[in-house]
Amino acid sequence: QVQLVESGGGLVQPGGSLRLSCAASINIFEINVMGWYRQAPGKQRELVATINVGGRINEYDSVKGRFTISRNGAEKSVYLPMSSLQPGDTAIYYCYAAILSRNSWGQGTQVTVFS
């Protein structure tokens, strides 16, 4: 099981920016897929963005152009810079890692966009 630790959530006004970070306990190039999901109150957890070991990125349509997943192997981390945040982006954001059929999740970090 991969240990994942998120940071970077917080409170922001509409149009603002935040940068989420997720540090993994192992070499991230040993992980098939890493990325971010989010869960808003009363809703199911949904994909935000993922990146596979080859660098292929998958993003949820509503975040394209606003959120950009990236990674740094030396820091064993993936990042999610988020801009033009909207109230609909309010959720707990979870870091995710998959090695074959084994999934690991971080503890989550709260992002709140308020007027």
N, C-alpha and C. Protein backbone atom coordinates (compact mmCIF):
# COMPACT_ATOMS: atom_id res chain seq x y z
N GLN A 1 0.85 -1.18 0.00
CA GLN A 1 0.00 0.00 0.00
C GLN A 1 0.90 1.24 0.00
N VAL A 2 0.55 2.18 -0.86
CA VAL A 2 1.29 3.44 -0.95
C VAL A 2 0.71 4.43 0.06
N GLN A 3 1.58 5.08 0.80
CA GLN A 3 1.13 6.14 1.70
C GLN A 3 1.14 7.46 0.92
N LEU A 4 0.04 8.21 1.04
CA LEU A 4 -0.11 9.46 0.31
C LEU A 4 -0.48 10.56 1.30
N VAL A 5 0.18 11.69 1.20
CA VAL A 5 -0.09 12.81 2.10
C VAL A 5 -0.35 14.06 1.27
N GLU A 6 -1.58 14.59 1.40
CA GLU A 6 -1.96 15.78 0.65
C GLU A 6 -1.73 17.03 1.48
N SER A 7 -1.57 18.14 0.77
CA SER A 7 -1.50 19.44 1.41
C SER A 7 -1.92 20.50 0.39
N GLY A 8 -2.21 21.70 0.89
CA GLY A 8 -2.47 22.82 0.00
C GLY A 8 -3.91 23.26 -0.10
N GLY A 9 -4.84 22.58 0.55
CA GLY A 9 -6.22 23.03 0.50
C GLY A 9 -6.41 24.30 1.30
N GLY A 10 -7.63 24.85 1.23
CA GLY A 10 -7.91 26.05 1.99
C GLY A 10 -9.16 26.76 1.51
N LEU A 11 -9.31 28.01 1.97
CA LEU A 11 -10.43 28.86 1.61
C LEU A 11 -9.98 29.85 0.55
N VAL A 12 -10.83 30.07 -0.45
CA VAL A 12 -10.48 31.00 -1.50
C VAL A 12 -11.76 31.60 -2.08
N GLN A 13 -11.67 32.82 -2.58
CA GLN A 13 -12.83 33.43 -3.22
C GLN A 13 -12.93 33.00 -4.67
N PRO A 14 -14.12 33.11 -5.26
CA PRO A 14 -14.26 32.76 -6.68
C PRO A 14 -13.25 33.51 -7.55
N GLY A 15 -12.67 32.78 -8.48
CA GLY A 15 -11.63 33.35 -9.32
C GLY A 15 -10.24 33.18 -8.77
N GLY A 16 -10.14 32.70 -7.54
CA GLY A 16 -8.85 32.52 -6.90
C GLY A 16 -8.14 31.24 -7.31
N SER A 17 -6.96 31.04 -6.71
CA SER A 17 -6.12 29.89 -7.06
C SER A 17 -5.61 29.18 -5.81
N LEU A 18 -5.39 27.90 -5.95
CA LEU A 18 -4.74 27.08 -4.93
C LEU A 18 -3.88 26.05 -5.63
N ARG A 19 -2.92 25.50 -4.90
CA ARG A 19 -2.08 24.43 -5.45
C ARG A 19 -2.06 23.29 -4.45
N LEU A 20 -2.57 22.14 -4.89
CA LEU A 20 -2.55 20.94 -4.05
C LEU A 20 -1.29 20.14 -4.33
N SER A 21 -0.77 19.52 -3.28
CA SER A 21 0.40 18.65 -3.41
C SER A 21 0.08 17.30 -2.78
N CYS A 22 0.68 16.26 -3.33
CA CYS A 22 0.52 14.91 -2.80
C CYS A 22 1.87 14.24 -2.82
N ALA A 23 2.36 13.89 -1.63
CA ALA A 23 3.64 13.21 -1.51
C ALA A 23 3.42 11.72 -1.31
N ALA A 24 4.10 10.91 -2.11
CA ALA A 24 3.99 9.46 -2.03
C ALA A 24 5.15 8.88 -1.24
N SER A 25 4.92 7.67 -0.70
CA SER A 25 5.94 7.03 0.12
C SER A 25 6.94 6.23 -0.71
N ILE A 26 6.66 6.10 -2.03
CA ILE A 26 7.55 5.33 -2.89
C ILE A 26 7.84 6.12 -4.16
N ASN A 27 8.74 5.61 -4.95
CA ASN A 27 9.06 6.19 -6.26
C ASN A 27 7.77 6.24 -7.10
N ILE A 28 7.38 7.43 -7.54
CA ILE A 28 6.09 7.55 -8.23
C ILE A 28 6.10 6.86 -9.60
N PHE A 29 7.26 6.55 -10.13
CA PHE A 29 7.31 5.85 -11.42
C PHE A 29 7.14 4.34 -11.25
N GLU A 30 6.95 3.90 -10.00
CA GLU A 30 6.53 2.53 -9.72
C GLU A 30 5.01 2.44 -9.61
N ILE A 31 4.33 3.58 -9.73
CA ILE A 31 2.88 3.66 -9.60
C ILE A 31 2.27 3.79 -10.99
N ASN A 32 1.29 2.94 -11.30
CA ASN A 32 0.70 2.95 -12.65
C ASN A 32 -0.04 4.26 -12.96
N VAL A 33 -0.85 4.69 -12.00
CA VAL A 33 -1.64 5.90 -12.17
C VAL A 33 -1.68 6.67 -10.86
N MET A 34 -1.48 7.96 -10.94
CA MET A 34 -1.66 8.85 -9.78
C MET A 34 -2.58 9.99 -10.18
N GLY A 35 -3.21 10.57 -9.19
CA GLY A 35 -4.06 11.70 -9.53
C GLY A 35 -4.92 12.18 -8.39
N TRP A 36 -5.98 12.86 -8.78
CA TRP A 36 -6.86 13.52 -7.83
C TRP A 36 -8.32 13.22 -8.12
N TYR A 37 -9.04 12.94 -7.06
CA TYR A 37 -10.49 12.85 -7.09
C TYR A 37 -11.02 13.87 -6.09
N ARG A 38 -12.30 14.15 -6.18
CA ARG A 38 -12.91 15.05 -5.21
C ARG A 38 -14.30 14.57 -4.85
N GLN A 39 -14.76 14.97 -3.67
CA GLN A 39 -16.09 14.60 -3.21
C GLN A 39 -16.72 15.79 -2.52
N ALA A 40 -17.80 16.27 -3.10
CA ALA A 40 -18.57 17.37 -2.52
C ALA A 40 -19.64 16.80 -1.60
N PRO A 41 -20.13 17.58 -0.65
CA PRO A 41 -21.16 17.09 0.27
C PRO A 41 -22.37 16.54 -0.47
N GLY A 42 -22.79 15.33 -0.12
CA GLY A 42 -23.96 14.72 -0.72
C GLY A 42 -23.76 14.18 -2.11
N LYS A 43 -22.51 14.20 -2.60
CA LYS A 43 -22.25 13.71 -3.95
C LYS A 43 -21.24 12.57 -3.92
N GLN A 44 -21.17 11.85 -5.03
CA GLN A 44 -20.20 10.77 -5.14
C GLN A 44 -18.82 11.34 -5.45
N ARG A 45 -17.83 10.56 -5.11
CA ARG A 45 -16.46 10.94 -5.43
C ARG A 45 -16.29 10.91 -6.96
N GLU A 46 -15.63 11.93 -7.50
CA GLU A 46 -15.48 12.01 -8.94
C GLU A 46 -14.03 12.30 -9.32
N LEU A 47 -13.69 11.86 -10.53
CA LEU A 47 -12.36 12.10 -11.06
C LEU A 47 -12.14 13.58 -11.29
N VAL A 48 -10.94 14.06 -10.95
CA VAL A 48 -10.54 15.42 -11.32
C VAL A 48 -9.49 15.33 -12.42
N ALA A 49 -8.38 14.66 -12.13
CA ALA A 49 -7.32 14.50 -13.12
C ALA A 49 -6.40 13.39 -12.68
N THR A 50 -5.89 12.63 -13.64
CA THR A 50 -4.92 11.60 -13.35
C THR A 50 -3.79 11.66 -14.38
N ILE A 51 -2.67 11.09 -14.00
CA ILE A 51 -1.52 10.98 -14.90
C ILE A 51 -0.95 9.57 -14.75
N ASN A 52 -0.70 8.90 -15.87
CA ASN A 52 -0.17 7.55 -15.74
C ASN A 52 1.35 7.55 -15.82
N VAL A 53 1.94 6.39 -15.66
CA VAL A 53 3.39 6.32 -15.56
C VAL A 53 4.06 6.83 -16.84
N GLY A 54 3.35 6.72 -17.96
CA GLY A 54 3.89 7.21 -19.23
C GLY A 54 3.68 8.70 -19.46
N GLY A 55 2.96 9.34 -18.54
CA GLY A 55 2.72 10.78 -18.67
C GLY A 55 1.40 11.15 -19.30
N ARG A 56 0.59 10.16 -19.62
CA ARG A 56 -0.71 10.48 -20.22
C ARG A 56 -1.64 11.04 -19.16
N ILE A 57 -2.31 12.14 -19.51
CA ILE A 57 -3.18 12.85 -18.57
C ILE A 57 -4.65 12.66 -18.95
N ASN A 58 -5.46 12.45 -17.92
CA ASN A 58 -6.90 12.35 -18.08
C ASN A 58 -7.53 13.39 -17.16
N GLU A 59 -8.37 14.26 -17.70
CA GLU A 59 -8.96 15.33 -16.91
C GLU A 59 -10.47 15.37 -17.07
N TYR A 60 -11.15 15.72 -15.99
CA TYR A 60 -12.58 15.94 -16.01
C TYR A 60 -12.86 17.19 -16.84
N ASP A 61 -13.89 17.15 -17.66
CA ASP A 61 -14.15 18.25 -18.59
C ASP A 61 -14.28 19.61 -17.90
N SER A 62 -14.92 19.64 -16.74
CA SER A 62 -15.20 20.94 -16.11
C SER A 62 -13.94 21.61 -15.55
N VAL A 63 -12.83 20.87 -15.48
CA VAL A 63 -11.61 21.49 -14.94
C VAL A 63 -10.57 21.76 -16.03
N LYS A 64 -10.83 21.31 -17.24
CA LYS A 64 -9.86 21.52 -18.31
C LYS A 64 -9.62 23.01 -18.53
N GLY A 65 -8.36 23.36 -18.63
CA GLY A 65 -8.00 24.76 -18.80
C GLY A 65 -7.88 25.52 -17.49
N ARG A 66 -8.35 24.93 -16.40
CA ARG A 66 -8.26 25.61 -15.09
C ARG A 66 -7.33 24.86 -14.14
N PHE A 67 -7.36 23.54 -14.18
CA PHE A 67 -6.51 22.70 -13.33
C PHE A 67 -5.51 21.98 -14.23
N THR A 68 -4.27 21.83 -13.76
CA THR A 68 -3.26 21.15 -14.57
C THR A 68 -2.44 20.23 -13.68
N ILE A 69 -2.64 18.93 -13.81
CA ILE A 69 -1.89 17.98 -13.01
C ILE A 69 -0.44 17.93 -13.49
N SER A 70 0.47 17.78 -12.53
CA SER A 70 1.88 17.64 -12.87
C SER A 70 2.54 16.76 -11.83
N ARG A 71 3.79 16.41 -12.06
CA ARG A 71 4.48 15.53 -11.12
C ARG A 71 5.96 15.86 -11.08
N ASN A 72 6.61 15.41 -10.02
CA ASN A 72 8.05 15.58 -9.85
C ASN A 72 8.58 14.31 -9.23
N GLY A 73 9.34 13.53 -10.02
CA GLY A 73 9.84 12.26 -9.54
C GLY A 73 10.81 12.41 -8.38
N ALA A 74 11.67 13.42 -8.44
CA ALA A 74 12.65 13.60 -7.37
C ALA A 74 11.97 13.88 -6.03
N GLU A 75 10.82 14.55 -6.07
CA GLU A 75 10.07 14.86 -4.86
C GLU A 75 9.01 13.82 -4.56
N LYS A 76 8.89 12.80 -5.42
CA LYS A 76 7.89 11.75 -5.25
C LYS A 76 6.50 12.35 -5.05
N SER A 77 6.18 13.33 -5.88
CA SER A 77 4.95 14.08 -5.66
C SER A 77 4.21 14.35 -6.96
N VAL A 78 2.90 14.50 -6.81
CA VAL A 78 2.06 15.03 -7.88
C VAL A 78 1.41 16.30 -7.35
N TYR A 79 1.07 17.18 -8.29
CA TYR A 79 0.55 18.48 -7.93
C TYR A 79 -0.72 18.78 -8.73
N LEU A 80 -1.53 19.67 -8.15
CA LEU A 80 -2.72 20.10 -8.88
C LEU A 80 -2.87 21.60 -8.69
N PRO A 81 -2.21 22.40 -9.52
CA PRO A 81 -2.46 23.83 -9.51
C PRO A 81 -3.87 24.09 -10.03
N MET A 82 -4.64 24.88 -9.29
CA MET A 82 -6.02 25.15 -9.65
C MET A 82 -6.21 26.66 -9.75
N SER A 83 -6.79 27.11 -10.85
CA SER A 83 -7.05 28.52 -11.03
C SER A 83 -8.51 28.72 -11.42
N SER A 84 -8.95 29.98 -11.41
CA SER A 84 -10.34 30.33 -11.72
C SER A 84 -11.31 29.45 -10.94
N LEU A 85 -11.04 29.29 -9.66
CA LEU A 85 -11.88 28.42 -8.83
C LEU A 85 -13.29 28.98 -8.70
N GLN A 86 -14.24 28.06 -8.66
CA GLN A 86 -15.66 28.41 -8.59
C GLN A 86 -16.28 27.71 -7.40
N PRO A 87 -17.43 28.21 -6.92
CA PRO A 87 -18.08 27.53 -5.79
C PRO A 87 -18.34 26.04 -6.06
N GLY A 88 -18.57 25.66 -7.30
CA GLY A 88 -18.80 24.26 -7.64
C GLY A 88 -17.57 23.39 -7.47
N ASP A 89 -16.41 23.99 -7.26
CA ASP A 89 -15.19 23.23 -7.01
C ASP A 89 -15.02 22.88 -5.54
N THR A 90 -15.88 23.40 -4.69
CA THR A 90 -15.80 23.11 -3.27
C THR A 90 -15.98 21.62 -3.01
N ALA A 91 -15.01 21.01 -2.34
CA ALA A 91 -15.04 19.56 -2.10
C ALA A 91 -13.83 19.18 -1.26
N ILE A 92 -13.83 17.94 -0.84
CA ILE A 92 -12.60 17.35 -0.29
C ILE A 92 -11.87 16.71 -1.47
N TYR A 93 -10.62 17.05 -1.61
CA TYR A 93 -9.80 16.53 -2.71
C TYR A 93 -8.90 15.42 -2.17
N TYR A 94 -8.95 14.28 -2.85
CA TYR A 94 -8.20 13.10 -2.44
C TYR A 94 -7.14 12.76 -3.47
N CYS A 95 -5.95 12.49 -2.98
CA CYS A 95 -4.90 11.97 -3.84
C CYS A 95 -5.11 10.46 -4.01
N TYR A 96 -4.78 9.96 -5.17
CA TYR A 96 -5.06 8.57 -5.53
C TYR A 96 -3.83 7.96 -6.20
N ALA A 97 -3.60 6.68 -5.89
CA ALA A 97 -2.50 5.96 -6.54
C ALA A 97 -2.95 4.53 -6.81
N ALA A 98 -2.63 4.03 -7.99
CA ALA A 98 -3.00 2.67 -8.36
C ALA A 98 -1.77 1.93 -8.84
N ILE A 99 -1.53 0.77 -8.24
CA ILE A 99 -0.48 -0.14 -8.70
C ILE A 99 -1.19 -1.44 -9.04
N LEU A 100 -1.31 -1.72 -10.33
CA LEU A 100 -2.11 -2.85 -10.83
C LEU A 100 -3.51 -2.70 -10.25
N SER A 101 -3.99 -3.68 -9.49
CA SER A 101 -5.36 -3.61 -8.98
C SER A 101 -5.44 -3.02 -7.57
N ARG A 102 -4.33 -2.55 -7.03
CA ARG A 102 -4.33 -2.01 -5.68
C ARG A 102 -4.43 -0.50 -5.71
N ASN A 103 -5.47 0.02 -5.04
CA ASN A 103 -5.68 1.46 -4.97
C ASN A 103 -5.34 2.00 -3.59
N SER A 104 -4.75 3.16 -3.54
CA SER A 104 -4.44 3.83 -2.28
C SER A 104 -5.01 5.24 -2.34
N TRP A 105 -5.43 5.73 -1.17
CA TRP A 105 -6.01 7.07 -1.08
C TRP A 105 -5.34 7.85 0.05
N GLY A 106 -5.21 9.13 -0.16
CA GLY A 106 -4.77 10.02 0.90
C GLY A 106 -5.94 10.34 1.83
N GLN A 107 -5.66 11.13 2.85
CA GLN A 107 -6.67 11.45 3.85
C GLN A 107 -7.61 12.56 3.37
N GLY A 108 -7.25 13.25 2.34
CA GLY A 108 -8.10 14.31 1.79
C GLY A 108 -7.70 15.69 2.30
N THR A 109 -7.93 16.69 1.47
CA THR A 109 -7.70 18.08 1.86
C THR A 109 -8.89 18.91 1.38
N GLN A 110 -9.40 19.77 2.25
CA GLN A 110 -10.61 20.52 1.96
C GLN A 110 -10.29 21.75 1.12
N VAL A 111 -11.06 21.93 0.06
CA VAL A 111 -11.01 23.15 -0.75
C VAL A 111 -12.40 23.78 -0.68
N THR A 112 -12.45 25.03 -0.24
CA THR A 112 -13.73 25.75 -0.13
C THR A 112 -13.62 27.06 -0.89
N VAL A 113 -14.55 27.24 -1.84
CA VAL A 113 -14.61 28.46 -2.64
C VAL A 113 -15.88 29.19 -2.23
N PHE A 114 -15.73 30.38 -1.66
CA PHE A 114 -16.88 31.09 -1.11
C PHE A 114 -16.89 32.53 -1.59
N SER A 115 -18.08 33.09 -1.64
CA SER A 115 -18.23 34.49 -2.05
C SER A 115 -18.16 35.39 -0.83
